[in-house]
Amino acid sequence: MRVFVNAVPLELEKSADVHAAVLALDRELEPKLLAGAAFVTDARGIEVPLEAPLAEGAILRVVVRARRAGRDPDADA
C-alpha cells in the first residue's frame, strides 16, 4: 500500500503500522521517537501512536521537537 511520510510516497506492506512507515523513511528517526524527542501526526495534525495501523493513502508527518528533553527552564518561574 502507498502511504506518505513527510510528503514522501512509500510502498509498505498492508499490515504496516506507523512505526514501520517512519523506519521506511529514515531509520535514524527511531531513537528520537523512542526517546520522546520526536512524534508522528496524521494529516489533521493529531499525534498518532507508533503502533497504530495504517490505511492506503495515509498521510503522516514526523515532528522533531526543538527543545532537548529534560528539565523545563520555566518550571521554577
PDB file of N, CA and C in Angstrom:
ATOM      1  N   MET A   1       0.844  -1.180   0.000  1.00  0.00           N
ATOM      2  CA  MET A   1       0.000   0.000   0.000  1.00  0.00           C
ATOM      3  C   MET A   1       0.883   1.235   0.000  1.00  0.00           C
ATOM      4  N   ARG A   2       0.363   2.301  -0.531  1.00  0.00           N
ATOM      5  CA  ARG A   2       1.112   3.555  -0.587  1.00  0.00           C
ATOM      6  C   ARG A   2       0.658   4.465   0.550  1.00  0.00           C
ATOM      7  N   VAL A   3       1.651   4.989   1.288  1.00  0.00           N
ATOM      8  CA  VAL A   3       1.408   5.996   2.322  1.00  0.00           C
ATOM      9  C   VAL A   3       2.416   7.121   2.107  1.00  0.00           C
ATOM     10  N   PHE A   4       2.206   8.224   2.783  1.00  0.00           N
ATOM     11  CA  PHE A   4       3.091   9.379   2.648  1.00  0.00           C
ATOM     12  C   PHE A   4       3.605   9.775   4.025  1.00  0.00           C
ATOM     13  N   VAL A   5       4.920   9.895   4.135  1.00  0.00           N
ATOM     14  CA  VAL A   5       5.536  10.357   5.382  1.00  0.00           C
ATOM     15  C   VAL A   5       6.399  11.556   5.027  1.00  0.00           C
ATOM     16  N   ASN A   6       6.099  12.688   5.638  1.00  0.00           N
ATOM     17  CA  ASN A   6       6.799  13.941   5.328  1.00  0.00           C
ATOM     18  C   ASN A   6       6.794  14.204   3.819  1.00  0.00           C
ATOM     19  N   ALA A   7       5.648  13.966   3.195  1.00  0.00           N
ATOM     20  CA  ALA A   7       5.410  14.206   1.764  1.00  0.00           C
ATOM     21  C   ALA A   7       6.163  13.254   0.838  1.00  0.00           C
ATOM     22  N   VAL A   8       6.772  12.211   1.390  1.00  0.00           N
ATOM     23  CA  VAL A   8       7.491  11.222   0.585  1.00  0.00           C
ATOM     24  C   VAL A   8       6.597   9.997   0.403  1.00  0.00           C
ATOM     25  N   PRO A   9       6.281   9.612  -0.834  1.00  0.00           N
ATOM     26  CA  PRO A   9       5.468   8.409  -1.041  1.00  0.00           C
ATOM     27  C   PRO A   9       6.287   7.153  -0.742  1.00  0.00           C
ATOM     28  N   LEU A  10       5.685   6.238   0.008  1.00  0.00           N
ATOM     29  CA  LEU A  10       6.344   4.985   0.378  1.00  0.00           C
ATOM     30  C   LEU A  10       5.420   3.820   0.084  1.00  0.00           C
ATOM     31  N   GLU A  11       5.971   2.723  -0.393  1.00  0.00           N
ATOM     32  CA  GLU A  11       5.215   1.488  -0.599  1.00  0.00           C
ATOM     33  C   GLU A  11       5.506   0.557   0.575  1.00  0.00           C
ATOM     34  N   LEU A  12       4.462   0.200   1.316  1.00  0.00           N
ATOM     35  CA  LEU A  12       4.602  -0.646   2.502  1.00  0.00           C
ATOM     36  C   LEU A  12       3.672  -1.845   2.400  1.00  0.00           C
ATOM     37  N   GLU A  13       3.941  -2.849   3.230  1.00  0.00           N
ATOM     38  CA  GLU A  13       3.040  -3.998   3.310  1.00  0.00           C
ATOM     39  C   GLU A  13       1.714  -3.551   3.906  1.00  0.00           C
ATOM     40  N   LYS A  14       0.650  -4.248   3.575  1.00  0.00           N
ATOM     41  CA  LYS A  14      -0.684  -3.876   4.053  1.00  0.00           C
ATOM     42  C   LYS A  14      -0.810  -3.925   5.571  1.00  0.00           C
ATOM     43  N   SER A  15       0.035  -4.698   6.237  1.00  0.00           N
ATOM     44  CA  SER A  15      -0.025  -4.810   7.697  1.00  0.00           C
ATOM     45  C   SER A  15       0.851  -3.776   8.405  1.00  0.00           C
ATOM     46  N   ALA A  16       1.430  -2.831   7.675  1.00  0.00           N
ATOM     47  CA  ALA A  16       2.364  -1.864   8.259  1.00  0.00           C
ATOM     48  C   ALA A  16       1.671  -0.934   9.249  1.00  0.00           C
ATOM     49  N   ASP A  17       2.457  -0.532  10.257  1.00  0.00           N
ATOM     50  CA  ASP A  17       1.971   0.445  11.223  1.00  0.00           C
ATOM     51  C   ASP A  17       2.777   1.738  11.070  1.00  0.00           C
ATOM     52  N   VAL A  18       2.488   2.706  11.914  1.00  0.00           N
ATOM     53  CA  VAL A  18       3.164   4.000  11.846  1.00  0.00           C
ATOM     54  C   VAL A  18       4.674   3.830  12.008  1.00  0.00           C
ATOM     55  N   HIS A  19       5.076   2.998  12.948  1.00  0.00           N
ATOM     56  CA  HIS A  19       6.497   2.764  13.201  1.00  0.00           C
ATOM     57  C   HIS A  19       7.200   2.269  11.936  1.00  0.00           C
ATOM     58  N   ALA A  20       6.610   1.301  11.254  1.00  0.00           N
ATOM     59  CA  ALA A  20       7.199   0.761  10.025  1.00  0.00           C
ATOM     60  C   ALA A  20       7.319   1.839   8.951  1.00  0.00           C
ATOM     61  N   ALA A  21       6.339   2.709   8.873  1.00  0.00           N
ATOM     62  CA  ALA A  21       6.376   3.777   7.876  1.00  0.00           C
ATOM     63  C   ALA A  21       7.522   4.743   8.146  1.00  0.00           C
ATOM     64  N   VAL A  22       7.711   5.101   9.404  1.00  0.00           N
ATOM     65  CA  VAL A  22       8.802   6.016   9.749  1.00  0.00           C
ATOM     66  C   VAL A  22      10.152   5.360   9.474  1.00  0.00           C
ATOM     67  N   LEU A  23      10.288   4.082   9.819  1.00  0.00           N
ATOM     68  CA  LEU A  23      11.541   3.370   9.553  1.00  0.00           C
ATOM     69  C   LEU A  23      11.831   3.310   8.057  1.00  0.00           C
ATOM     70  N   ALA A  24      10.790   3.144   7.253  1.00  0.00           N
ATOM     71  CA  ALA A  24      10.975   3.099   5.803  1.00  0.00           C
ATOM     72  C   ALA A  24      11.472   4.445   5.266  1.00  0.00           C
ATOM     73  N   LEU A  25      11.071   5.513   5.923  1.00  0.00           N
ATOM     74  CA  LEU A  25      11.517   6.844   5.508  1.00  0.00           C
ATOM     75  C   LEU A  25      12.956   7.107   5.950  1.00  0.00           C
ATOM     76  N   ASP A  26      13.222   6.894   7.249  1.00  0.00           N
ATOM     77  CA  ASP A  26      14.544   7.236   7.798  1.00  0.00           C
ATOM     78  C   ASP A  26      14.740   6.515   9.127  1.00  0.00           C
ATOM     79  N   ARG A  27      15.571   5.505   9.141  1.00  0.00           N
ATOM     80  CA  ARG A  27      15.827   4.721  10.357  1.00  0.00           C
ATOM     81  C   ARG A  27      16.438   5.561  11.481  1.00  0.00           C
ATOM     82  N   GLU A  28      17.085   6.659  11.144  1.00  0.00           N
ATOM     83  CA  GLU A  28      17.711   7.497  12.166  1.00  0.00           C
ATOM     84  C   GLU A  28      16.693   8.249  13.016  1.00  0.00           C
ATOM     85  N   LEU A  29      15.429   8.252  12.615  1.00  0.00           N
ATOM     86  CA  LEU A  29      14.388   8.894  13.419  1.00  0.00           C
ATOM     87  C   LEU A  29      13.942   8.023  14.591  1.00  0.00           C
ATOM     88  N   GLU A  30      14.177   6.725  14.509  1.00  0.00           N
ATOM     89  CA  GLU A  30      13.682   5.812  15.543  1.00  0.00           C
ATOM     90  C   GLU A  30      14.150   6.173  16.952  1.00  0.00           C
ATOM     91  N   PRO A  31      15.439   6.425  17.198  1.00  0.00           N
ATOM     92  CA  PRO A  31      15.849   6.770  18.568  1.00  0.00           C
ATOM     93  C   PRO A  31      15.160   8.034  19.089  1.00  0.00           C
ATOM     94  N   LYS A  32      14.940   9.008  18.214  1.00  0.00           N
ATOM     95  CA  LYS A  32      14.262  10.239  18.624  1.00  0.00           C
ATOM     96  C   LYS A  32      12.812   9.963  19.000  1.00  0.00           C
ATOM     97  N   LEU A  33      12.142   9.108  18.226  1.00  0.00           N
ATOM     98  CA  LEU A  33      10.756   8.757  18.531  1.00  0.00           C
ATOM     99  C   LEU A  33      10.661   8.018  19.860  1.00  0.00           C
ATOM    100  N   LEU A  34      11.544   7.059  20.060  1.00  0.00           N
ATOM    101  CA  LEU A  34      11.502   6.254  21.278  1.00  0.00           C
ATOM    102  C   LEU A  34      11.879   7.062  22.514  1.00  0.00           C
ATOM    103  N   ALA A  35      12.708   8.094  22.346  1.00  0.00           N
ATOM    104  CA  ALA A  35      13.125   8.939  23.470  1.00  0.00           C
ATOM    105  C   ALA A  35      12.150  10.087  23.730  1.00  0.00           C
ATOM    106  N   GLY A  36      11.145  10.242  22.868  1.00  0.00           N
ATOM    107  CA  GLY A  36      10.194  11.335  23.035  1.00  0.00           C
ATOM    108  C   GLY A  36      10.674  12.655  22.444  1.00  0.00           C
ATOM    109  N   ALA A  37      11.781  12.631  21.717  1.00  0.00           N
ATOM    110  CA  ALA A  37      12.307  13.840  21.093  1.00  0.00           C
ATOM    111  C   ALA A  37      11.633  14.117  19.748  1.00  0.00           C
ATOM    112  N   ALA A  38      10.790  13.198  19.305  1.00  0.00           N
ATOM    113  CA  ALA A  38      10.026  13.362  18.067  1.00  0.00           C
ATOM    114  C   ALA A  38       8.709  12.615  18.224  1.00  0.00           C
ATOM    115  N   PHE A  39       7.729  12.987  17.410  1.00  0.00           N
ATOM    116  CA  PHE A  39       6.441  12.297  17.411  1.00  0.00           C
ATOM    117  C   PHE A  39       5.858  12.344  16.008  1.00  0.00           C
ATOM    118  N   VAL A  40       4.799  11.575  15.791  1.00  0.00           N
ATOM    119  CA  VAL A  40       4.182  11.472  14.468  1.00  0.00           C
ATOM    120  C   VAL A  40       2.754  11.996  14.549  1.00  0.00           C
ATOM    121  N   THR A  41       2.361  12.778  13.536  1.00  0.00           N
ATOM    122  CA  THR A  41       0.985  13.248  13.452  1.00  0.00           C
ATOM    123  C   THR A  41       0.348  12.742  12.160  1.00  0.00           C
ATOM    124  N   ASP A  42      -0.988  12.737  12.162  1.00  0.00           N
ATOM    125  CA  ASP A  42      -1.710  12.377  10.944  1.00  0.00           C
ATOM    126  C   ASP A  42      -1.930  13.638  10.109  1.00  0.00           C
ATOM    127  N   ALA A  43      -2.698  13.523   9.052  1.00  0.00           N
ATOM    128  CA  ALA A  43      -2.928  14.648   8.143  1.00  0.00           C
ATOM    129  C   ALA A  43      -3.622  15.823   8.821  1.00  0.00           C
ATOM    130  N   ARG A  44      -4.306  15.552   9.945  1.00  0.00           N
ATOM    131  CA  ARG A  44      -5.004  16.615  10.674  1.00  0.00           C
ATOM    132  C   ARG A  44      -4.129  17.264  11.735  1.00  0.00           C
ATOM    133  N   GLY A  45      -2.909  16.744  11.921  1.00  0.00           N
ATOM    134  CA  GLY A  45      -2.022  17.283  12.946  1.00  0.00           C
ATOM    135  C   GLY A  45      -2.224  16.660  14.309  1.00  0.00           C
ATOM    136  N   ILE A  46      -2.967  15.557  14.362  1.00  0.00           N
ATOM    137  CA  ILE A  46      -3.220  14.864  15.622  1.00  0.00           C
ATOM    138  C   ILE A  46      -2.151  13.798  15.815  1.00  0.00           C
ATOM    139  N   GLU A  47      -1.540  13.785  17.006  1.00  0.00           N
ATOM    140  CA  GLU A  47      -0.488  12.810  17.284  1.00  0.00           C
ATOM    141  C   GLU A  47      -1.053  11.392  17.234  1.00  0.00           C
ATOM    142  N   VAL A  48      -0.309  10.490  16.610  1.00  0.00           N
ATOM    143  CA  VAL A  48      -0.725   9.092  16.497  1.00  0.00           C
ATOM    144  C   VAL A  48       0.349   8.196  17.115  1.00  0.00           C
ATOM    145  N   PRO A  49      -0.065   7.114  17.773  1.00  0.00           N
ATOM    146  CA  PRO A  49       0.911   6.198  18.371  1.00  0.00           C
ATOM    147  C   PRO A  49       1.659   5.410  17.303  1.00  0.00           C
ATOM    148  N   LEU A  50       2.868   5.005  17.624  1.00  0.00           N
ATOM    149  CA  LEU A  50       3.696   4.263  16.673  1.00  0.00           C
ATOM    150  C   LEU A  50       3.076   2.936  16.271  1.00  0.00           C
ATOM    151  N   GLU A  51       2.285   2.336  17.153  1.00  0.00           N
ATOM    152  CA  GLU A  51       1.696   1.029  16.860  1.00  0.00           C
ATOM    153  C   GLU A  51       0.365   1.122  16.107  1.00  0.00           C
ATOM    154  N   ALA A  52      -0.057   2.330  15.760  1.00  0.00           N
ATOM    155  CA  ALA A  52      -1.325   2.500  15.046  1.00  0.00           C
ATOM    156  C   ALA A  52      -1.228   1.903  13.638  1.00  0.00           C
ATOM    157  N   PRO A  53      -2.255   1.149  13.226  1.00  0.00           N
ATOM    158  CA  PRO A  53      -2.254   0.591  11.869  1.00  0.00           C
ATOM    159  C   PRO A  53      -2.468   1.696  10.837  1.00  0.00           C
ATOM    160  N   LEU A  54      -2.022   1.425   9.626  1.00  0.00           N
ATOM    161  CA  LEU A  54      -2.161   2.402   8.547  1.00  0.00           C
ATOM    162  C   LEU A  54      -3.170   1.931   7.512  1.00  0.00           C
ATOM    163  N   ALA A  55      -3.749   2.880   6.811  1.00  0.00           N
ATOM    164  CA  ALA A  55      -4.641   2.596   5.694  1.00  0.00           C
ATOM    165  C   ALA A  55      -4.007   3.150   4.426  1.00  0.00           C
ATOM    166  N   GLU A  56      -4.417   2.616   3.304  1.00  0.00           N
ATOM    167  CA  GLU A  56      -3.947   3.095   2.000  1.00  0.00           C
ATOM    168  C   GLU A  56      -4.108   4.611   1.919  1.00  0.00           C
ATOM    169  N   GLY A  57      -3.045   5.307   1.515  1.00  0.00           N
ATOM    170  CA  GLY A  57      -3.105   6.751   1.336  1.00  0.00           C
ATOM    171  C   GLY A  57      -2.885   7.571   2.591  1.00  0.00           C
ATOM    172  N   ALA A  58      -2.549   6.926   3.698  1.00  0.00           N
ATOM    173  CA  ALA A  58      -2.325   7.657   4.949  1.00  0.00           C
ATOM    174  C   ALA A  58      -1.257   8.729   4.753  1.00  0.00           C
ATOM    175  N   ILE A  59      -1.467   9.856   5.409  1.00  0.00           N
ATOM    176  CA  ILE A  59      -0.514  10.964   5.359  1.00  0.00           C
ATOM    177  C   ILE A  59      -0.012  11.206   6.774  1.00  0.00           C
ATOM    178  N   LEU A  60       1.302  11.089   6.946  1.00  0.00           N
ATOM    179  CA  LEU A  60       1.925  11.257   8.256  1.00  0.00           C
ATOM    180  C   LEU A  60       3.012  12.318   8.181  1.00  0.00           C
ATOM    181  N   ARG A  61       3.265  12.935   9.315  1.00  0.00           N
ATOM    182  CA  ARG A  61       4.375  13.881   9.418  1.00  0.00           C
ATOM    183  C   ARG A  61       5.119  13.582  10.705  1.00  0.00           C
ATOM    184  N   VAL A  62       6.442  13.500  10.594  1.00  0.00           N
ATOM    185  CA  VAL A  62       7.286  13.319  11.772  1.00  0.00           C
ATOM    186  C   VAL A  62       7.718  14.703  12.241  1.00  0.00           C
ATOM    187  N   VAL A  63       7.451  14.989  13.508  1.00  0.00           N
ATOM    188  CA  VAL A  63       7.796  16.280  14.095  1.00  0.00           C
ATOM    189  C   VAL A  63       8.914  16.056  15.099  1.00  0.00           C
ATOM    190  N   VAL A  64      10.040  16.719  14.885  1.00  0.00           N
ATOM    191  CA  VAL A  64      11.161  16.635  15.824  1.00  0.00           C
ATOM    192  C   VAL A  64      11.082  17.863  16.722  1.00  0.00           C
ATOM    193  N   ARG A  65      11.077  17.609  18.025  1.00  0.00           N
ATOM    194  CA  ARG A  65      10.969  18.707  18.988  1.00  0.00           C
ATOM    195  C   ARG A  65      12.223  19.580  18.940  1.00  0.00           C
ATOM    196  N   ALA A  66      12.030  20.892  19.047  1.00  0.00           N
ATOM    197  CA  ALA A  66      13.154  21.821  19.015  1.00  0.00           C
ATOM    198  C   ALA A  66      13.928  21.810  20.329  1.00  0.00           C
ATOM    199  N   ARG A  67      13.207  21.623  21.427  1.00  0.00           N
ATOM    200  CA  ARG A  67      13.862  21.602  22.734  1.00  0.00           C
ATOM    201  C   ARG A  67      14.409  20.234  23.033  1.00  0.00           C
ATOM    202  N   ARG A  68      15.465  20.217  23.785  1.00  0.00           N
ATOM    203  CA  ARG A  68      16.002  18.945  24.245  1.00  0.00           C
ATOM    204  C   ARG A  68      15.149  18.446  25.395  1.00  0.00           C
ATOM    205  N   ALA A  69      15.007  17.137  25.467  1.00  0.00           N
ATOM    206  CA  ALA A  69      14.266  16.553  26.583  1.00  0.00           C
ATOM    207  C   ALA A  69      15.022  16.848  27.868  1.00  0.00           C
ATOM    208  N   GLY A  70      14.303  16.943  28.939  1.00  0.00           N
ATOM    209  CA  GLY A  70      14.965  17.190  30.213  1.00  0.00           C
ATOM    210  C   GLY A  70      14.245  18.255  31.001  1.00  0.00           C
ATOM    211  N   ARG A  71      14.979  18.981  31.782  1.00  0.00           N
ATOM    212  CA  ARG A  71      14.423  19.968  32.693  1.00  0.00           C
ATOM    213  C   ARG A  71      13.748  21.104  31.932  1.00  0.00           C
ATOM    214  N   ASP A  72      12.584  21.481  32.374  1.00  0.00           N
ATOM    215  CA  ASP A  72      11.848  22.595  31.788  1.00  0.00           C
ATOM    216  C   ASP A  72      12.368  23.893  32.400  1.00  0.00           C
ATOM    217  N   PRO A  73      12.943  24.806  31.594  1.00  0.00           N
ATOM    218  CA  PRO A  73      13.506  26.029  32.159  1.00  0.00           C
ATOM    219  C   PRO A  73      12.461  26.937  32.796  1.00  0.00           C
ATOM    220  N   ASP A  74      11.186  26.768  32.448  1.00  0.00           N
ATOM    221  CA  ASP A  74      10.132  27.599  33.023  1.00  0.00           C
ATOM    222  C   ASP A  74       9.488  26.971  34.253  1.00  0.00           C
ATOM    223  N   ALA A  75       9.935  25.800  34.652  1.00  0.00           N
ATOM    224  CA  ALA A  75       9.289  25.085  35.749  1.00  0.00           C
ATOM    225  C   ALA A  75       9.374  25.838  37.065  1.00  0.00           C
ATOM    226  N   ASP A  76      10.427  26.608  37.273  1.00  0.00           N
ATOM    227  CA  ASP A  76      10.607  27.311  38.544  1.00  0.00           C
ATOM    228  C   ASP A  76      10.205  28.777  38.467  1.00  0.00           C
ATOM    229  N   ALA A  77       9.638  29.185  37.365  1.00  0.00           N
ATOM    230  CA  ALA A  77       9.291  30.603  37.190  1.00  0.00           C
ATOM    231  C   ALA A  77       8.115  30.998  38.046  1.00  0.00           C
TER     232      ALA A  77
END
